[in-house]
Amino acid sequence: MTHTKKRIIESAIRIFNEDLSAPLQKVADNAAVTRRTLHRYFKDRNELVAVCKQAIESSCKKAMISAIQSSDDALIQLERMLYAGIDCGAKYSVFYKLHQSKDHKHTHQNKNCADYDHIYNQFQGIIIELQKEGKISPAMSPEWIQVLHSGIIESTVNARQTTTKSFEEIKELAWTSYIKAIAP
């Protein structure tokens, strides 16, 4: 893959994180290429979105699975899943938005959907285990905690551009905010 194509994909992910319906001209401008150059690599918006979706799903799935497999301790798994989402940055936010959008045709026959479901089911299992251990409030449903998880990640990704704190400090603040929000 060429440097220009990668730059277009990364720009599209950033732009689509802000607005899934953003015009391709905005993607081209962000990538510092002309619209014509963008169309040399991608025939239309659907092709660009499909390639972005592939890149996002591949990197985010690997990061989440790695976080889950990194420990047998559910609290450490949850913390590392949060950090993995933050490390994926805008990719995670777009990944979540694409799977939650009304246009998404979720089917178990689609490998990406099946992988998403697998990760989500493991996430739910971690939450339920932590609730049984008394480390997370049982008053919050796993679905609500997952929405909060995604919101913390998105807020952290956005905060990187507006704060003087280091990336590690931002991640620690994200974890502190998250765990305090879901504590019993």
N, C-alpha and C. Protein backbone atom coordinates (compact mmCIF):
# COMPACT_ATOMS: atom_id res chain seq x y z
N MET A 1 0.84 -1.18 0.00
CA MET A 1 0.00 0.00 0.00
C MET A 1 0.89 1.24 0.00
N THR A 2 0.56 2.19 -0.83
CA THR A 2 1.38 3.40 -0.93
C THR A 2 1.15 4.32 0.26
N HIS A 3 2.10 5.21 0.45
CA HIS A 3 2.01 6.19 1.54
C HIS A 3 0.77 7.08 1.35
N THR A 4 0.50 7.47 0.12
CA THR A 4 -0.66 8.33 -0.16
C THR A 4 -1.96 7.63 0.18
N LYS A 5 -2.08 6.37 -0.21
CA LYS A 5 -3.30 5.62 0.07
C LYS A 5 -3.51 5.47 1.58
N LYS A 6 -2.43 5.17 2.31
CA LYS A 6 -2.52 5.07 3.78
C LYS A 6 -2.97 6.40 4.38
N ARG A 7 -2.41 7.50 3.86
CA ARG A 7 -2.75 8.82 4.37
C ARG A 7 -4.23 9.13 4.13
N ILE A 8 -4.73 8.75 2.96
CA ILE A 8 -6.15 8.96 2.66
C ILE A 8 -7.02 8.14 3.61
N ILE A 9 -6.65 6.89 3.84
CA ILE A 9 -7.43 6.03 4.73
C ILE A 9 -7.43 6.59 6.16
N GLU A 10 -6.27 6.97 6.67
CA GLU A 10 -6.19 7.52 8.03
C GLU A 10 -6.99 8.82 8.13
N SER A 11 -6.92 9.65 7.11
CA SER A 11 -7.69 10.90 7.10
C SER A 11 -9.19 10.61 7.08
N ALA A 12 -9.59 9.65 6.27
CA ALA A 12 -11.01 9.28 6.20
C ALA A 12 -11.50 8.79 7.56
N ILE A 13 -10.69 8.00 8.24
CA ILE A 13 -11.08 7.50 9.56
C ILE A 13 -11.26 8.67 10.53
N ARG A 14 -10.34 9.62 10.52
CA ARG A 14 -10.45 10.78 11.41
C ARG A 14 -11.71 11.60 11.08
N ILE A 15 -11.91 11.86 9.80
CA ILE A 15 -13.06 12.67 9.37
C ILE A 15 -14.37 11.95 9.65
N PHE A 16 -14.43 10.65 9.32
CA PHE A 16 -15.67 9.89 9.55
C PHE A 16 -15.95 9.70 11.03
N ASN A 17 -14.93 9.78 11.87
CA ASN A 17 -15.16 9.74 13.31
C ASN A 17 -15.96 10.96 13.75
N GLU A 18 -15.66 12.10 13.14
CA GLU A 18 -16.39 13.34 13.46
C GLU A 18 -17.77 13.34 12.82
N ASP A 19 -17.85 12.84 11.57
CA ASP A 19 -19.11 12.90 10.83
C ASP A 19 -19.11 11.81 9.76
N LEU A 20 -19.89 10.75 9.98
CA LEU A 20 -19.92 9.64 9.02
C LEU A 20 -20.40 10.05 7.64
N SER A 21 -21.09 11.18 7.55
CA SER A 21 -21.60 11.62 6.25
C SER A 21 -20.77 12.76 5.65
N ALA A 22 -19.58 12.99 6.18
CA ALA A 22 -18.73 14.08 5.69
C ALA A 22 -18.42 13.90 4.20
N PRO A 23 -18.32 15.01 3.47
CA PRO A 23 -18.01 14.91 2.04
C PRO A 23 -16.58 14.43 1.79
N LEU A 24 -16.39 13.79 0.65
CA LEU A 24 -15.06 13.28 0.29
C LEU A 24 -14.05 14.41 0.13
N GLN A 25 -14.51 15.59 -0.23
CA GLN A 25 -13.60 16.73 -0.35
C GLN A 25 -12.93 17.02 0.98
N LYS A 26 -13.68 16.87 2.07
CA LYS A 26 -13.11 17.10 3.40
C LYS A 26 -12.03 16.05 3.70
N VAL A 27 -12.25 14.81 3.29
CA VAL A 27 -11.25 13.76 3.46
C VAL A 27 -10.01 14.09 2.65
N ALA A 28 -10.20 14.50 1.39
CA ALA A 28 -9.08 14.86 0.51
C ALA A 28 -8.29 16.02 1.11
N ASP A 29 -8.98 17.04 1.57
CA ASP A 29 -8.30 18.20 2.17
C ASP A 29 -7.49 17.77 3.39
N ASN A 30 -8.07 16.94 4.24
CA ASN A 30 -7.38 16.48 5.44
C ASN A 30 -6.15 15.64 5.10
N ALA A 31 -6.23 14.90 4.00
CA ALA A 31 -5.10 14.06 3.57
C ALA A 31 -4.08 14.84 2.75
N ALA A 32 -4.38 16.11 2.50
CA ALA A 32 -3.52 16.98 1.68
C ALA A 32 -3.34 16.42 0.27
N VAL A 33 -4.45 15.96 -0.31
CA VAL A 33 -4.46 15.49 -1.69
C VAL A 33 -5.65 16.14 -2.40
N THR A 34 -5.63 16.08 -3.71
CA THR A 34 -6.78 16.58 -4.45
C THR A 34 -7.87 15.52 -4.47
N ARG A 35 -9.05 15.95 -4.79
CA ARG A 35 -10.17 15.00 -4.91
C ARG A 35 -9.86 14.00 -6.02
N ARG A 36 -9.22 14.47 -7.06
CA ARG A 36 -8.84 13.60 -8.19
C ARG A 36 -7.88 12.50 -7.72
N THR A 37 -6.91 12.86 -6.87
CA THR A 37 -5.98 11.86 -6.34
C THR A 37 -6.72 10.86 -5.48
N LEU A 38 -7.63 11.33 -4.66
CA LEU A 38 -8.43 10.42 -3.83
C LEU A 38 -9.14 9.40 -4.72
N HIS A 39 -9.70 9.87 -5.84
CA HIS A 39 -10.45 8.97 -6.73
C HIS A 39 -9.53 8.05 -7.56
N ARG A 40 -8.26 8.34 -7.61
CA ARG A 40 -7.32 7.39 -8.24
C ARG A 40 -7.22 6.12 -7.40
N TYR A 41 -7.36 6.29 -6.09
CA TYR A 41 -7.24 5.16 -5.17
C TYR A 41 -8.59 4.52 -4.82
N PHE A 42 -9.64 5.33 -4.82
CA PHE A 42 -10.97 4.85 -4.43
C PHE A 42 -12.00 5.39 -5.41
N LYS A 43 -12.72 4.46 -6.05
CA LYS A 43 -13.64 4.90 -7.10
C LYS A 43 -14.81 5.73 -6.56
N ASP A 44 -15.23 5.45 -5.30
CA ASP A 44 -16.32 6.22 -4.72
C ASP A 44 -16.29 6.11 -3.20
N ARG A 45 -17.23 6.79 -2.57
CA ARG A 45 -17.33 6.81 -1.12
C ARG A 45 -17.49 5.41 -0.53
N ASN A 46 -18.33 4.60 -1.16
CA ASN A 46 -18.57 3.24 -0.65
C ASN A 46 -17.29 2.42 -0.60
N GLU A 47 -16.47 2.54 -1.62
CA GLU A 47 -15.20 1.79 -1.63
C GLU A 47 -14.27 2.29 -0.52
N LEU A 48 -14.19 3.62 -0.35
CA LEU A 48 -13.34 4.18 0.71
C LEU A 48 -13.83 3.75 2.08
N VAL A 49 -15.13 3.82 2.30
CA VAL A 49 -15.69 3.39 3.60
C VAL A 49 -15.41 1.91 3.84
N ALA A 50 -15.55 1.08 2.79
CA ALA A 50 -15.30 -0.35 2.94
C ALA A 50 -13.85 -0.63 3.31
N VAL A 51 -12.92 0.07 2.67
CA VAL A 51 -11.49 -0.12 2.98
C VAL A 51 -11.19 0.37 4.40
N CYS A 52 -11.77 1.51 4.78
CA CYS A 52 -11.59 2.02 6.15
C CYS A 52 -12.12 1.01 7.16
N LYS A 53 -13.30 0.50 6.87
CA LYS A 53 -13.93 -0.47 7.77
C LYS A 53 -13.05 -1.69 7.96
N GLN A 54 -12.46 -2.18 6.86
CA GLN A 54 -11.56 -3.34 6.93
C GLN A 54 -10.35 -3.03 7.81
N ALA A 55 -9.72 -1.88 7.57
CA ALA A 55 -8.53 -1.50 8.33
C ALA A 55 -8.86 -1.34 9.81
N ILE A 56 -9.99 -0.73 10.08
CA ILE A 56 -10.43 -0.50 11.46
C ILE A 56 -10.69 -1.82 12.16
N GLU A 57 -11.49 -2.66 11.52
CA GLU A 57 -11.87 -3.91 12.16
C GLU A 57 -10.67 -4.80 12.42
N SER A 58 -9.75 -4.84 11.49
CA SER A 58 -8.57 -5.67 11.66
C SER A 58 -7.74 -5.20 12.85
N SER A 59 -7.41 -3.91 12.90
CA SER A 59 -6.53 -3.44 13.98
C SER A 59 -7.24 -3.42 15.33
N CYS A 60 -8.50 -3.00 15.36
CA CYS A 60 -9.21 -2.94 16.65
C CYS A 60 -9.51 -4.32 17.20
N LYS A 61 -9.89 -5.25 16.33
CA LYS A 61 -10.16 -6.62 16.80
C LYS A 61 -8.91 -7.22 17.41
N LYS A 62 -7.79 -7.08 16.73
CA LYS A 62 -6.53 -7.63 17.26
C LYS A 62 -6.20 -7.02 18.61
N ALA A 63 -6.37 -5.71 18.74
CA ALA A 63 -6.05 -5.04 20.00
C ALA A 63 -6.96 -5.50 21.13
N MET A 64 -8.25 -5.63 20.86
CA MET A 64 -9.20 -6.04 21.90
C MET A 64 -8.97 -7.50 22.31
N ILE A 65 -8.76 -8.36 21.35
CA ILE A 65 -8.50 -9.77 21.67
C ILE A 65 -7.22 -9.91 22.48
N SER A 66 -6.21 -9.16 22.09
CA SER A 66 -4.94 -9.18 22.84
C SER A 66 -5.15 -8.70 24.28
N ALA A 67 -5.96 -7.65 24.46
CA ALA A 67 -6.23 -7.14 25.80
C ALA A 67 -6.95 -8.18 26.65
N ILE A 68 -7.91 -8.86 26.06
CA ILE A 68 -8.66 -9.89 26.79
C ILE A 68 -7.74 -11.05 27.18
N GLN A 69 -6.88 -11.44 26.27
CA GLN A 69 -6.00 -12.59 26.51
C GLN A 69 -4.79 -12.26 27.37
N SER A 70 -4.60 -10.99 27.71
CA SER A 70 -3.40 -10.56 28.42
C SER A 70 -3.38 -10.95 29.89
N SER A 71 -4.54 -11.33 30.44
CA SER A 71 -4.60 -11.64 31.87
C SER A 71 -5.83 -12.50 32.16
N ASP A 72 -5.78 -13.18 33.29
CA ASP A 72 -6.96 -13.92 33.76
C ASP A 72 -7.76 -13.07 34.74
N ASP A 73 -7.21 -11.94 35.15
CA ASP A 73 -7.86 -11.03 36.08
C ASP A 73 -8.82 -10.12 35.29
N ALA A 74 -10.10 -10.21 35.60
CA ALA A 74 -11.12 -9.47 34.84
C ALA A 74 -10.91 -7.95 34.91
N LEU A 75 -10.47 -7.43 36.05
CA LEU A 75 -10.26 -5.99 36.17
C LEU A 75 -9.11 -5.53 35.27
N ILE A 76 -8.05 -6.32 35.22
CA ILE A 76 -6.93 -5.99 34.33
C ILE A 76 -7.37 -6.09 32.87
N GLN A 77 -8.17 -7.10 32.55
CA GLN A 77 -8.69 -7.23 31.18
C GLN A 77 -9.49 -5.99 30.79
N LEU A 78 -10.37 -5.54 31.69
CA LEU A 78 -11.20 -4.38 31.41
C LEU A 78 -10.34 -3.13 31.20
N GLU A 79 -9.36 -2.95 32.06
CA GLU A 79 -8.46 -1.79 31.94
C GLU A 79 -7.70 -1.85 30.61
N ARG A 80 -7.20 -3.01 30.26
CA ARG A 80 -6.45 -3.14 29.02
C ARG A 80 -7.34 -3.00 27.78
N MET A 81 -8.60 -3.40 27.90
CA MET A 81 -9.54 -3.18 26.79
C MET A 81 -9.77 -1.68 26.59
N LEU A 82 -9.87 -0.94 27.69
CA LEU A 82 -10.03 0.50 27.58
C LEU A 82 -8.79 1.11 26.91
N TYR A 83 -7.62 0.72 27.36
CA TYR A 83 -6.38 1.23 26.77
C TYR A 83 -6.25 0.83 25.30
N ALA A 84 -6.66 -0.38 24.97
CA ALA A 84 -6.60 -0.82 23.56
C ALA A 84 -7.50 0.06 22.70
N GLY A 85 -8.69 0.36 23.21
CA GLY A 85 -9.58 1.24 22.46
C GLY A 85 -8.98 2.63 22.29
N ILE A 86 -8.37 3.14 23.35
CA ILE A 86 -7.74 4.46 23.29
C ILE A 86 -6.57 4.42 22.30
N ASP A 87 -5.77 3.37 22.35
CA ASP A 87 -4.63 3.25 21.43
C ASP A 87 -5.09 3.16 19.97
N CYS A 88 -6.24 2.52 19.75
CA CYS A 88 -6.80 2.48 18.39
C CYS A 88 -7.26 3.86 17.96
N GLY A 89 -7.54 4.71 18.93
CA GLY A 89 -7.91 6.09 18.65
C GLY A 89 -9.22 6.20 17.90
N ALA A 90 -9.22 7.06 16.90
CA ALA A 90 -10.44 7.31 16.12
C ALA A 90 -10.94 6.04 15.46
N LYS A 91 -10.05 5.09 15.21
CA LYS A 91 -10.47 3.83 14.60
C LYS A 91 -11.52 3.14 15.47
N TYR A 92 -11.30 3.11 16.79
CA TYR A 92 -12.25 2.45 17.67
C TYR A 92 -13.60 3.15 17.62
N SER A 93 -13.58 4.47 17.65
CA SER A 93 -14.83 5.22 17.64
C SER A 93 -15.62 4.95 16.37
N VAL A 94 -14.94 4.93 15.22
CA VAL A 94 -15.63 4.66 13.96
C VAL A 94 -16.10 3.21 13.94
N PHE A 95 -15.28 2.28 14.43
CA PHE A 95 -15.63 0.86 14.52
C PHE A 95 -16.95 0.69 15.29
N TYR A 96 -17.03 1.34 16.44
CA TYR A 96 -18.23 1.25 17.27
C TYR A 96 -19.42 1.89 16.56
N LYS A 97 -19.21 3.08 15.99
CA LYS A 97 -20.31 3.78 15.30
C LYS A 97 -20.83 2.98 14.11
N LEU A 98 -19.93 2.38 13.34
CA LEU A 98 -20.35 1.60 12.18
C LEU A 98 -21.22 0.41 12.59
N HIS A 99 -20.84 -0.24 13.68
CA HIS A 99 -21.61 -1.40 14.14
C HIS A 99 -22.92 -1.00 14.82
N GLN A 100 -23.03 0.24 15.26
CA GLN A 100 -24.25 0.69 15.91
C GLN A 100 -25.16 1.47 14.96
N SER A 101 -24.68 1.79 13.76
CA SER A 101 -25.47 2.62 12.85
C SER A 101 -26.70 1.88 12.34
N LYS A 102 -27.72 2.65 12.01
CA LYS A 102 -28.98 2.06 11.53
C LYS A 102 -28.81 1.42 10.16
N ASP A 103 -27.79 1.82 9.40
CA ASP A 103 -27.55 1.25 8.07
C ASP A 103 -26.80 -0.08 8.12
N HIS A 104 -26.25 -0.40 9.29
CA HIS A 104 -25.45 -1.63 9.41
C HIS A 104 -26.36 -2.86 9.39
N LYS A 105 -26.05 -3.79 8.53
CA LYS A 105 -26.80 -5.05 8.44
C LYS A 105 -26.03 -6.10 9.23
N HIS A 106 -26.36 -6.22 10.51
CA HIS A 106 -25.64 -7.14 11.38
C HIS A 106 -26.12 -8.57 11.16
N THR A 107 -25.19 -9.43 10.79
CA THR A 107 -25.54 -10.83 10.57
C THR A 107 -24.41 -11.72 11.08
N HIS A 108 -24.78 -12.84 11.66
CA HIS A 108 -23.78 -13.75 12.23
C HIS A 108 -22.98 -14.47 11.14
N GLN A 109 -23.48 -14.45 9.91
CA GLN A 109 -22.75 -15.07 8.80
C GLN A 109 -21.56 -14.20 8.36
N ASN A 110 -21.62 -12.92 8.66
CA ASN A 110 -20.53 -12.00 8.34
C ASN A 110 -19.43 -12.17 9.40
N LYS A 111 -18.22 -12.51 8.98
CA LYS A 111 -17.14 -12.78 9.92
C LYS A 111 -16.85 -11.57 10.81
N ASN A 112 -16.88 -10.36 10.24
CA ASN A 112 -16.61 -9.18 11.05
C ASN A 112 -17.68 -8.99 12.13
N CYS A 113 -18.93 -9.25 11.78
CA CYS A 113 -20.00 -9.15 12.77
C CYS A 113 -19.84 -10.24 13.83
N ALA A 114 -19.50 -11.43 13.41
CA ALA A 114 -19.30 -12.54 14.35
C ALA A 114 -18.15 -12.23 15.30
N ASP A 115 -17.07 -11.65 14.78
CA ASP A 115 -15.93 -11.26 15.63
C ASP A 115 -16.33 -10.16 16.61
N TYR A 116 -17.09 -9.18 16.12
CA TYR A 116 -17.58 -8.10 16.98
C TYR A 116 -18.42 -8.69 18.12
N ASP A 117 -19.32 -9.60 17.76
CA ASP A 117 -20.17 -10.24 18.77
C ASP A 117 -19.33 -11.01 19.79
N HIS A 118 -18.30 -11.70 19.31
CA HIS A 118 -17.44 -12.48 20.20
C HIS A 118 -16.75 -11.55 21.21
N ILE A 119 -16.20 -10.45 20.73
CA ILE A 119 -15.53 -9.50 21.63
C ILE A 119 -16.55 -8.90 22.60
N TYR A 120 -17.71 -8.53 22.08
CA TYR A 120 -18.74 -7.93 22.94
C TYR A 120 -19.21 -8.93 24.00
N ASN A 121 -19.38 -10.20 23.63
CA ASN A 121 -19.79 -11.22 24.60
C ASN A 121 -18.73 -11.42 25.67
N GLN A 122 -17.46 -11.37 25.27
CA GLN A 122 -16.39 -11.48 26.27
C GLN A 122 -16.39 -10.26 27.19
N PHE A 123 -16.61 -9.08 26.61
CA PHE A 123 -16.71 -7.86 27.41
C PHE A 123 -17.84 -8.00 28.43
N GLN A 124 -19.00 -8.46 27.98
CA GLN A 124 -20.13 -8.65 28.90
C GLN A 124 -19.78 -9.64 30.00
N GLY A 125 -19.09 -10.72 29.64
CA GLY A 125 -18.68 -11.70 30.64
C GLY A 125 -17.76 -11.11 31.69
N ILE A 126 -16.85 -10.25 31.25
CA ILE A 126 -15.93 -9.57 32.18
C ILE A 126 -16.73 -8.68 33.12
N ILE A 127 -17.67 -7.93 32.58
CA ILE A 127 -18.49 -7.03 33.40
C ILE A 127 -19.29 -7.83 34.43
N ILE A 128 -19.93 -8.89 34.00
CA ILE A 128 -20.74 -9.72 34.90
C ILE A 128 -19.87 -10.32 36.01
N GLU A 129 -18.68 -10.79 35.65
CA GLU A 129 -17.76 -11.34 36.65
C GLU A 129 -17.37 -10.27 37.67
N LEU A 130 -17.06 -9.07 37.21
CA LEU A 130 -16.68 -7.98 38.12
C LEU A 130 -17.86 -7.54 38.99
N GLN A 131 -19.06 -7.63 38.45
CA GLN A 131 -20.24 -7.33 39.27
C GLN A 131 -20.41 -8.38 40.37
N LYS A 132 -20.21 -9.64 40.04
CA LYS A 132 -20.31 -10.72 41.04
C LYS A 132 -19.25 -10.55 42.13
N GLU A 133 -18.06 -10.05 41.74
CA GLU A 133 -16.98 -9.84 42.70
C GLU A 133 -17.17 -8.56 43.51
N GLY A 134 -18.20 -7.78 43.18
CA GLY A 134 -18.46 -6.53 43.90
C GLY A 134 -17.56 -5.38 43.49
N LYS A 135 -16.90 -5.49 42.33
CA LYS A 135 -15.98 -4.43 41.88
C LYS A 135 -16.66 -3.43 40.95
N ILE A 136 -17.82 -3.79 40.44
CA ILE A 136 -18.60 -2.92 39.56
C ILE A 136 -20.04 -2.92 40.05
N SER A 137 -20.68 -1.78 39.95
CA SER A 137 -22.06 -1.64 40.41
C SER A 137 -22.99 -2.59 39.65
N PRO A 138 -23.75 -3.38 40.39
CA PRO A 138 -24.72 -4.26 39.74
C PRO A 138 -25.94 -3.51 39.21
N ALA A 139 -26.06 -2.24 39.58
CA ALA A 139 -27.20 -1.43 39.11
C ALA A 139 -27.06 -1.04 37.64
N MET A 140 -25.84 -1.17 37.10
CA MET A 140 -25.60 -0.81 35.70
C MET A 140 -25.57 -2.07 34.85
N SER A 141 -26.28 -2.03 33.74
CA SER A 141 -26.28 -3.19 32.84
C SER A 141 -24.97 -3.23 32.05
N PRO A 142 -24.57 -4.42 31.62
CA PRO A 142 -23.38 -4.51 30.77
C PRO A 142 -23.51 -3.65 29.51
N GLU A 143 -24.73 -3.52 28.98
CA GLU A 143 -24.94 -2.70 27.79
C GLU A 143 -24.63 -1.23 28.09
N TRP A 144 -25.10 -0.75 29.24
CA TRP A 144 -24.83 0.63 29.63
C TRP A 144 -23.33 0.84 29.84
N ILE A 145 -22.69 -0.09 30.49
CA ILE A 145 -21.25 0.03 30.76
C ILE A 145 -20.47 0.03 29.44
N GLN A 146 -20.95 -0.73 28.45
CA GLN A 146 -20.29 -0.74 27.14
C GLN A 146 -20.44 0.61 26.44
N VAL A 147 -21.60 1.23 26.56
CA VAL A 147 -21.79 2.56 25.98
C VAL A 147 -20.87 3.56 26.67
N LEU A 148 -20.78 3.47 27.99
CA LEU A 148 -19.88 4.34 28.76
C LEU A 148 -18.43 4.11 28.35
N HIS A 149 -18.06 2.85 28.19
CA HIS A 149 -16.71 2.46 27.74
C HIS A 149 -16.38 3.17 26.43
N SER A 150 -17.28 3.09 25.47
CA SER A 150 -17.06 3.72 24.17
C SER A 150 -16.99 5.24 24.29
N GLY A 151 -17.83 5.80 25.15
CA GLY A 151 -17.81 7.24 25.36
C GLY A 151 -16.52 7.73 25.98
N ILE A 152 -16.01 6.99 26.94
CA ILE A 152 -14.72 7.34 27.57
C ILE A 152 -13.61 7.30 26.52
N ILE A 153 -13.63 6.27 25.69
CA ILE A 153 -12.61 6.17 24.64
C ILE A 153 -12.70 7.35 23.70
N GLU A 154 -13.89 7.67 23.24
CA GLU A 154 -14.05 8.80 22.31
C GLU A 154 -13.63 10.11 22.96
N SER A 155 -14.00 10.32 24.21
CA SER A 155 -13.60 11.55 24.91
C SER A 155 -12.09 11.63 25.06
N THR A 156 -11.47 10.51 25.34
CA THR A 156 -10.01 10.48 25.50
C THR A 156 -9.32 10.77 24.18
N VAL A 157 -9.83 10.19 23.10
CA VAL A 157 -9.26 10.44 21.77
C VAL A 157 -9.36 11.94 21.45
N ASN A 158 -10.51 12.53 21.74
CA ASN A 158 -10.69 13.96 21.47
C ASN A 158 -9.83 14.82 22.39
N ALA A 159 -9.63 14.40 23.64
CA ALA A 159 -8.85 15.18 24.60
C ALA A 159 -7.38 15.27 24.20
N ARG A 160 -6.90 14.30 23.47
CA ARG A 160 -5.49 14.32 23.05
C ARG A 160 -5.14 15.59 22.29
N GLN A 161 -6.13 16.17 21.61
CA GLN A 161 -5.86 17.35 20.81
C GLN A 161 -6.03 18.65 21.59
N THR A 162 -6.55 18.57 22.82
CA THR A 162 -6.85 19.80 23.55
C THR A 162 -6.16 19.91 24.90
N THR A 163 -5.26 19.03 25.22
CA THR A 163 -4.64 19.07 26.54
C THR A 163 -3.12 19.06 26.42
N THR A 164 -2.49 19.53 27.48
CA THR A 164 -1.03 19.51 27.52
C THR A 164 -0.50 18.27 28.22
N LYS A 165 -1.40 17.44 28.73
CA LYS A 165 -0.98 16.22 29.42
C LYS A 165 -0.41 15.21 28.42
N SER A 166 0.45 14.34 28.92
CA SER A 166 1.02 13.30 28.07
C SER A 166 -0.04 12.26 27.74
N PHE A 167 0.20 11.48 26.72
CA PHE A 167 -0.75 10.44 26.32
C PHE A 167 -0.97 9.45 27.46
N GLU A 168 0.08 9.07 28.17
CA GLU A 168 -0.05 8.15 29.30
C GLU A 168 -0.88 8.76 30.42
N GLU A 169 -0.69 10.06 30.70
CA GLU A 169 -1.49 10.72 31.73
C GLU A 169 -2.97 10.74 31.35
N ILE A 170 -3.25 10.98 30.07
CA ILE A 170 -4.63 11.00 29.59
C ILE A 170 -5.25 9.62 29.75
N LYS A 171 -4.49 8.58 29.42
CA LYS A 171 -5.01 7.22 29.56
C LYS A 171 -5.31 6.90 31.02
N GLU A 172 -4.43 7.31 31.92
CA GLU A 172 -4.66 7.07 33.35
C GLU A 172 -5.90 7.83 33.83
N LEU A 173 -6.08 9.06 33.36
CA LEU A 173 -7.29 9.82 33.72
C LEU A 173 -8.54 9.13 33.19
N ALA A 174 -8.44 8.58 32.00
CA ALA A 174 -9.58 7.87 31.41
C ALA A 174 -9.95 6.67 32.27
N TRP A 175 -8.95 5.89 32.66
CA TRP A 175 -9.21 4.71 33.48
C TRP A 175 -9.81 5.11 34.83
N THR A 176 -9.23 6.12 35.47
CA THR A 176 -9.74 6.59 36.77
C THR A 176 -11.20 7.03 36.64
N SER A 177 -11.50 7.79 35.59
CA SER A 177 -12.87 8.26 35.38
C SER A 177 -13.81 7.09 35.16
N TYR A 178 -13.39 6.16 34.35
CA TYR A 178 -14.22 5.00 33.99
C TYR A 178 -14.49 4.11 35.20
N ILE A 179 -13.44 3.73 35.90
CA ILE A 179 -13.61 2.79 37.01
C ILE A 179 -14.42 3.44 38.15
N LYS A 180 -14.23 4.74 38.37
CA LYS A 180 -15.02 5.41 39.41
C LYS A 180 -16.49 5.51 39.00
N ALA A 181 -16.73 5.68 37.72
CA ALA A 181 -18.11 5.79 37.24
C ALA A 181 -18.89 4.49 37.40
N ILE A 182 -18.19 3.36 37.31
CA ILE A 182 -18.89 2.07 37.37
C ILE A 182 -18.70 1.34 38.71
N ALA A 183 -17.97 1.98 39.62
CA ALA A 183 -17.73 1.35 40.93
C ALA A 183 -19.03 1.26 41.73
N PRO A 184 -19.09 0.26 42.63
CA PRO A 184 -20.31 0.11 43.46
C PRO A 184 -20.47 1.26 44.45
